[in-house]
Amino acid sequence: MKFIASTAAVLLLIATVAYAQINKDKPWELEDTWPVYIQNHPISLEAKDGDSTRLLKKRFNETLEELRHRYTYWEARECQLQDVFDNVDRLELARETHPEGIGRPTTLNEQRLDFAKYLEMRANPQKRPVQRNIDFVDAKRAEGFRLSIEVEQLQK
């Protein structure tokens, strides 16, 4: 019994250290640390949905899933930040054309702005482990993206 308890304690310690190491080196791999805007919140398909509604829901869900992947690809330096922003625009279009009222409530505006601020912080070349020339462009692009959202919100 003592052996089992000791083994369990050692395994728990190893798992805790591994979790902390992943979080330190690659925080984007831990979805629970992601901004709410890109956390997994797909729209449920229901039997009563008509063809049009089913297609709109599927489009939203696929666009959200694409954004989640693009975000991790950008963090892993496998795509450009502009790809993430283009995906955000497609998600917003899918959200706005959805018939069941997931348009632009205030909370979604705040979540999108929070995501833009998060990307701006993550794009800061001084906070990236390895700097590349494109990182400086990404930093300015992220700042411009955030400012565009803030201007849009002021105009409403």
C-alpha atoms as a PDB file:
ATOM      1  CA  MET A   1       0.000   0.000   0.000  1.00  0.00           C
ATOM      2  CA  LYS A   2       2.862   2.343   0.841  1.00  0.00           C
ATOM      3  CA  PHE A   3       4.439   1.573  -2.528  1.00  0.00           C
ATOM      4  CA  ILE A   4       1.252   2.499  -4.383  1.00  0.00           C
ATOM      5  CA  ALA A   5       0.898   5.775  -2.475  1.00  0.00           C
ATOM      6  CA  SER A   6       4.562   6.642  -3.119  1.00  0.00           C
ATOM      7  CA  THR A   7       4.245   5.790  -6.806  1.00  0.00           C
ATOM      8  CA  ALA A   8       1.073   7.884  -7.107  1.00  0.00           C
ATOM      9  CA  ALA A   9       2.789  10.839  -5.411  1.00  0.00           C
ATOM     10  CA  VAL A  10       5.777  10.603  -7.768  1.00  0.00           C
ATOM     11  CA  LEU A  11       3.519  10.403 -10.831  1.00  0.00           C
ATOM     12  CA  LEU A  12       1.522  13.403  -9.645  1.00  0.00           C
ATOM     13  CA  LEU A  13       4.736  15.372  -9.149  1.00  0.00           C
ATOM     14  CA  ILE A  14       5.973  14.449 -12.635  1.00  0.00           C
ATOM     15  CA  ALA A  15       2.635  15.441 -14.182  1.00  0.00           C
ATOM     16  CA  THR A  16       2.642  18.766 -12.319  1.00  0.00           C
ATOM     17  CA  VAL A  17       6.184  19.587 -13.458  1.00  0.00           C
ATOM     18  CA  ALA A  18       5.362  18.598 -17.053  1.00  0.00           C
ATOM     19  CA  TYR A  19       2.204  20.747 -17.012  1.00  0.00           C
ATOM     20  CA  ALA A  20       4.146  23.728 -15.675  1.00  0.00           C
ATOM     21  CA  GLN A  21       6.860  23.263 -18.299  1.00  0.00           C
ATOM     22  CA  ILE A  22       4.343  23.176 -21.156  1.00  0.00           C
ATOM     23  CA  ASN A  23       2.610  26.231 -19.743  1.00  0.00           C
ATOM     24  CA  LYS A  24       5.930  28.090 -19.505  1.00  0.00           C
ATOM     25  CA  ASP A  25       7.292  27.162 -22.936  1.00  0.00           C
ATOM     26  CA  LYS A  26       4.105  26.856 -24.975  1.00  0.00           C
ATOM     27  CA  PRO A  27       1.131  28.395 -23.191  1.00  0.00           C
ATOM     28  CA  TRP A  28      -0.984  28.171 -26.337  1.00  0.00           C
ATOM     29  CA  GLU A  29      -1.048  24.393 -25.980  1.00  0.00           C
ATOM     30  CA  LEU A  30      -3.210  24.744 -22.874  1.00  0.00           C
ATOM     31  CA  GLU A  31      -6.640  25.682 -24.141  1.00  0.00           C
ATOM     32  CA  ASP A  32      -7.857  26.710 -20.701  1.00  0.00           C
ATOM     33  CA  THR A  33      -5.419  29.653 -20.901  1.00  0.00           C
ATOM     34  CA  TRP A  34      -6.850  30.899 -24.203  1.00  0.00           C
ATOM     35  CA  PRO A  35      -8.962  34.039 -24.426  1.00  0.00           C
ATOM     36  CA  VAL A  36     -12.705  33.328 -24.224  1.00  0.00           C
ATOM     37  CA  TYR A  37     -13.192  34.471 -27.824  1.00  0.00           C
ATOM     38  CA  ILE A  38     -11.446  31.375 -29.202  1.00  0.00           C
ATOM     39  CA  GLN A  39     -12.393  28.837 -26.585  1.00  0.00           C
ATOM     40  CA  ASN A  40     -14.424  25.977 -27.964  1.00  0.00           C
ATOM     41  CA  HIS A  41     -18.073  27.098 -28.005  1.00  0.00           C
ATOM     42  CA  PRO A  42     -19.628  25.607 -31.138  1.00  0.00           C
ATOM     43  CA  ILE A  43     -23.310  25.989 -31.917  1.00  0.00           C
ATOM     44  CA  SER A  44     -25.322  22.787 -31.489  1.00  0.00           C
ATOM     45  CA  LEU A  45     -27.090  21.369 -34.508  1.00  0.00           C
ATOM     46  CA  GLU A  46     -30.675  20.391 -33.748  1.00  0.00           C
ATOM     47  CA  ALA A  47     -33.081  18.068 -35.540  1.00  0.00           C
ATOM     48  CA  LYS A  48     -35.588  20.906 -36.033  1.00  0.00           C
ATOM     49  CA  ASP A  49     -33.032  23.057 -37.914  1.00  0.00           C
ATOM     50  CA  GLY A  50     -33.827  23.746 -41.537  1.00  0.00           C
ATOM     51  CA  ASP A  51     -31.239  23.307 -44.266  1.00  0.00           C
ATOM     52  CA  SER A  52     -30.231  26.975 -44.215  1.00  0.00           C
ATOM     53  CA  THR A  53     -29.852  27.070 -40.428  1.00  0.00           C
ATOM     54  CA  ARG A  54     -27.830  23.831 -40.440  1.00  0.00           C
ATOM     55  CA  LEU A  55     -25.466  25.258 -43.052  1.00  0.00           C
ATOM     56  CA  LEU A  56     -25.050  28.528 -41.164  1.00  0.00           C
ATOM     57  CA  LYS A  57     -24.343  26.679 -37.910  1.00  0.00           C
ATOM     58  CA  LYS A  58     -21.856  24.376 -39.627  1.00  0.00           C
ATOM     59  CA  ARG A  59     -20.138  27.366 -41.235  1.00  0.00           C
ATOM     60  CA  PHE A  60     -19.817  29.074 -37.863  1.00  0.00           C
ATOM     61  CA  ASN A  61     -18.474  25.918 -36.176  1.00  0.00           C
ATOM     62  CA  GLU A  62     -15.949  25.211 -38.934  1.00  0.00           C
ATOM     63  CA  THR A  63     -14.769  28.826 -38.974  1.00  0.00           C
ATOM     64  CA  LEU A  64     -14.339  28.785 -35.194  1.00  0.00           C
ATOM     65  CA  GLU A  65     -12.365  25.537 -35.399  1.00  0.00           C
ATOM     66  CA  GLU A  66     -10.217  26.991 -38.181  1.00  0.00           C
ATOM     67  CA  LEU A  67      -9.498  30.052 -36.026  1.00  0.00           C
ATOM     68  CA  ARG A  68      -8.457  27.862 -33.127  1.00  0.00           C
ATOM     69  CA  HIS A  69      -6.001  26.027 -35.397  1.00  0.00           C
ATOM     70  CA  ARG A  70      -4.712  29.201 -37.052  1.00  0.00           C
ATOM     71  CA  TYR A  71      -4.050  30.673 -33.633  1.00  0.00           C
ATOM     72  CA  THR A  72      -1.903  27.699 -32.606  1.00  0.00           C
ATOM     73  CA  TYR A  73      -0.161  27.686 -36.004  1.00  0.00           C
ATOM     74  CA  TRP A  74       0.714  31.344 -35.534  1.00  0.00           C
ATOM     75  CA  GLU A  75       2.018  30.700 -32.024  1.00  0.00           C
ATOM     76  CA  ALA A  76       4.116  27.843 -33.443  1.00  0.00           C
ATOM     77  CA  ARG A  77       5.270  30.220 -36.202  1.00  0.00           C
ATOM     78  CA  GLU A  78       3.677  28.217 -38.992  1.00  0.00           C
ATOM     79  CA  CYS A  79       1.501  31.023 -40.371  1.00  0.00           C
ATOM     80  CA  GLN A  80       1.323  34.810 -40.372  1.00  0.00           C
ATOM     81  CA  LEU A  81      -0.689  36.861 -37.900  1.00  0.00           C
ATOM     82  CA  GLN A  82      -2.679  38.285 -40.807  1.00  0.00           C
ATOM     83  CA  ASP A  83      -4.047  34.759 -41.365  1.00  0.00           C
ATOM     84  CA  VAL A  84      -5.457  34.846 -37.824  1.00  0.00           C
ATOM     85  CA  PHE A  85      -7.023  38.280 -38.399  1.00  0.00           C
ATOM     86  CA  ASP A  86      -8.573  37.152 -41.707  1.00  0.00           C
ATOM     87  CA  ASN A  87     -10.039  34.190 -39.847  1.00  0.00           C
ATOM     88  CA  VAL A  88     -11.473  36.498 -37.155  1.00  0.00           C
ATOM     89  CA  ASP A  89     -13.198  38.484 -39.919  1.00  0.00           C
ATOM     90  CA  ARG A  90     -14.706  35.281 -41.347  1.00  0.00           C
ATOM     91  CA  LEU A  91     -15.898  34.248 -37.882  1.00  0.00           C
ATOM     92  CA  GLU A  92     -17.514  37.648 -37.413  1.00  0.00           C
ATOM     93  CA  LEU A  93     -19.277  37.293 -40.775  1.00  0.00           C
ATOM     94  CA  ALA A  94     -20.497  33.810 -39.814  1.00  0.00           C
ATOM     95  CA  ARG A  95     -21.695  35.191 -36.477  1.00  0.00           C
ATOM     96  CA  GLU A  96     -23.484  38.198 -37.986  1.00  0.00           C
ATOM     97  CA  THR A  97     -25.349  36.185 -40.628  1.00  0.00           C
ATOM     98  CA  HIS A  98     -26.542  33.545 -38.175  1.00  0.00           C
ATOM     99  CA  PRO A  99     -30.327  33.702 -37.768  1.00  0.00           C
ATOM    100  CA  GLU A 100     -30.509  32.860 -34.067  1.00  0.00           C
ATOM    101  CA  GLY A 101     -29.215  36.050 -32.559  1.00  0.00           C
ATOM    102  CA  ILE A 102     -25.500  35.442 -32.040  1.00  0.00           C
ATOM    103  CA  GLY A 103     -24.761  38.702 -33.838  1.00  0.00           C
ATOM    104  CA  ARG A 104     -22.793  41.323 -31.932  1.00  0.00           C
ATOM    105  CA  PRO A 105     -23.833  41.412 -28.293  1.00  0.00           C
ATOM    106  CA  THR A 106     -21.671  43.544 -26.059  1.00  0.00           C
ATOM    107  CA  THR A 107     -19.962  40.525 -24.497  1.00  0.00           C
ATOM    108  CA  LEU A 108     -18.777  39.322 -27.907  1.00  0.00           C
ATOM    109  CA  ASN A 109     -17.442  42.783 -28.728  1.00  0.00           C
ATOM    110  CA  GLU A 110     -15.526  42.729 -25.438  1.00  0.00           C
ATOM    111  CA  GLN A 111     -14.261  39.193 -26.088  1.00  0.00           C
ATOM    112  CA  ARG A 112     -13.027  40.161 -29.562  1.00  0.00           C
ATOM    113  CA  LEU A 113     -11.262  43.220 -28.160  1.00  0.00           C
ATOM    114  CA  ASP A 114      -9.728  41.120 -25.369  1.00  0.00           C
ATOM    115  CA  PHE A 115      -8.504  38.646 -28.002  1.00  0.00           C
ATOM    116  CA  ALA A 116      -6.995  41.502 -30.026  1.00  0.00           C
ATOM    117  CA  LYS A 117      -5.209  42.808 -26.909  1.00  0.00           C
ATOM    118  CA  TYR A 118      -3.982  39.307 -26.121  1.00  0.00           C
ATOM    119  CA  LEU A 119      -2.605  38.899 -29.646  1.00  0.00           C
ATOM    120  CA  GLU A 120      -0.976  42.305 -29.415  1.00  0.00           C
ATOM    121  CA  MET A 121       0.740  41.279 -26.198  1.00  0.00           C
ATOM    122  CA  ARG A 122       1.773  37.881 -27.654  1.00  0.00           C
ATOM    123  CA  ALA A 123       3.066  39.555 -30.856  1.00  0.00           C
ATOM    124  CA  ASN A 124       5.447  41.808 -28.906  1.00  0.00           C
ATOM    125  CA  PRO A 125       8.907  40.775 -30.188  1.00  0.00           C
ATOM    126  CA  GLN A 126      10.458  41.290 -26.759  1.00  0.00           C
ATOM    127  CA  LYS A 127       8.115  38.643 -25.344  1.00  0.00           C
ATOM    128  CA  ARG A 128       8.719  36.048 -28.072  1.00  0.00           C
ATOM    129  CA  PRO A 129      11.391  33.442 -27.364  1.00  0.00           C
ATOM    130  CA  VAL A 130      13.078  33.730 -30.769  1.00  0.00           C
ATOM    131  CA  GLN A 131      12.843  36.942 -32.704  1.00  0.00           C
ATOM    132  CA  ARG A 132      12.416  37.074 -36.456  1.00  0.00           C
ATOM    133  CA  ASN A 133      12.038  40.114 -38.683  1.00  0.00           C
ATOM    134  CA  ILE A 134       8.379  39.300 -39.288  1.00  0.00           C
ATOM    135  CA  ASP A 135       7.734  39.585 -35.544  1.00  0.00           C
ATOM    136  CA  PHE A 136       8.130  43.361 -35.725  1.00  0.00           C
ATOM    137  CA  VAL A 137       5.581  43.536 -38.546  1.00  0.00           C
ATOM    138  CA  ASP A 138       3.231  41.271 -36.581  1.00  0.00           C
ATOM    139  CA  ALA A 139       3.517  43.533 -33.545  1.00  0.00           C
ATOM    140  CA  LYS A 140       2.414  46.570 -35.570  1.00  0.00           C
ATOM    141  CA  ARG A 141      -0.286  44.554 -37.339  1.00  0.00           C
ATOM    142  CA  ALA A 142      -1.643  43.389 -33.951  1.00  0.00           C
ATOM    143  CA  GLU A 143      -1.715  46.943 -32.648  1.00  0.00           C
ATOM    144  CA  GLY A 144      -3.556  48.092 -35.777  1.00  0.00           C
ATOM    145  CA  PHE A 145      -6.054  45.241 -35.439  1.00  0.00           C
ATOM    146  CA  ARG A 146      -6.822  46.208 -31.836  1.00  0.00           C
ATOM    147  CA  LEU A 147      -7.140  49.892 -32.734  1.00  0.00           C
ATOM    148  CA  SER A 148      -9.548  49.038 -35.572  1.00  0.00           C
ATOM    149  CA  ILE A 149     -11.804  47.172 -33.164  1.00  0.00           C
ATOM    150  CA  GLU A 150     -11.720  50.063 -30.684  1.00  0.00           C
ATOM    151  CA  VAL A 151     -12.567  52.575 -33.432  1.00  0.00           C
ATOM    152  CA  GLU A 152     -15.423  50.332 -34.628  1.00  0.00           C
ATOM    153  CA  GLN A 153     -16.810  50.179 -31.107  1.00  0.00           C
ATOM    154  CA  LEU A 154     -16.664  53.955 -30.705  1.00  0.00           C
ATOM    155  CA  GLN A 155     -18.584  54.441 -33.944  1.00  0.00           C
ATOM    156  CA  LYS A 156     -21.532  52.293 -32.783  1.00  0.00           C
END
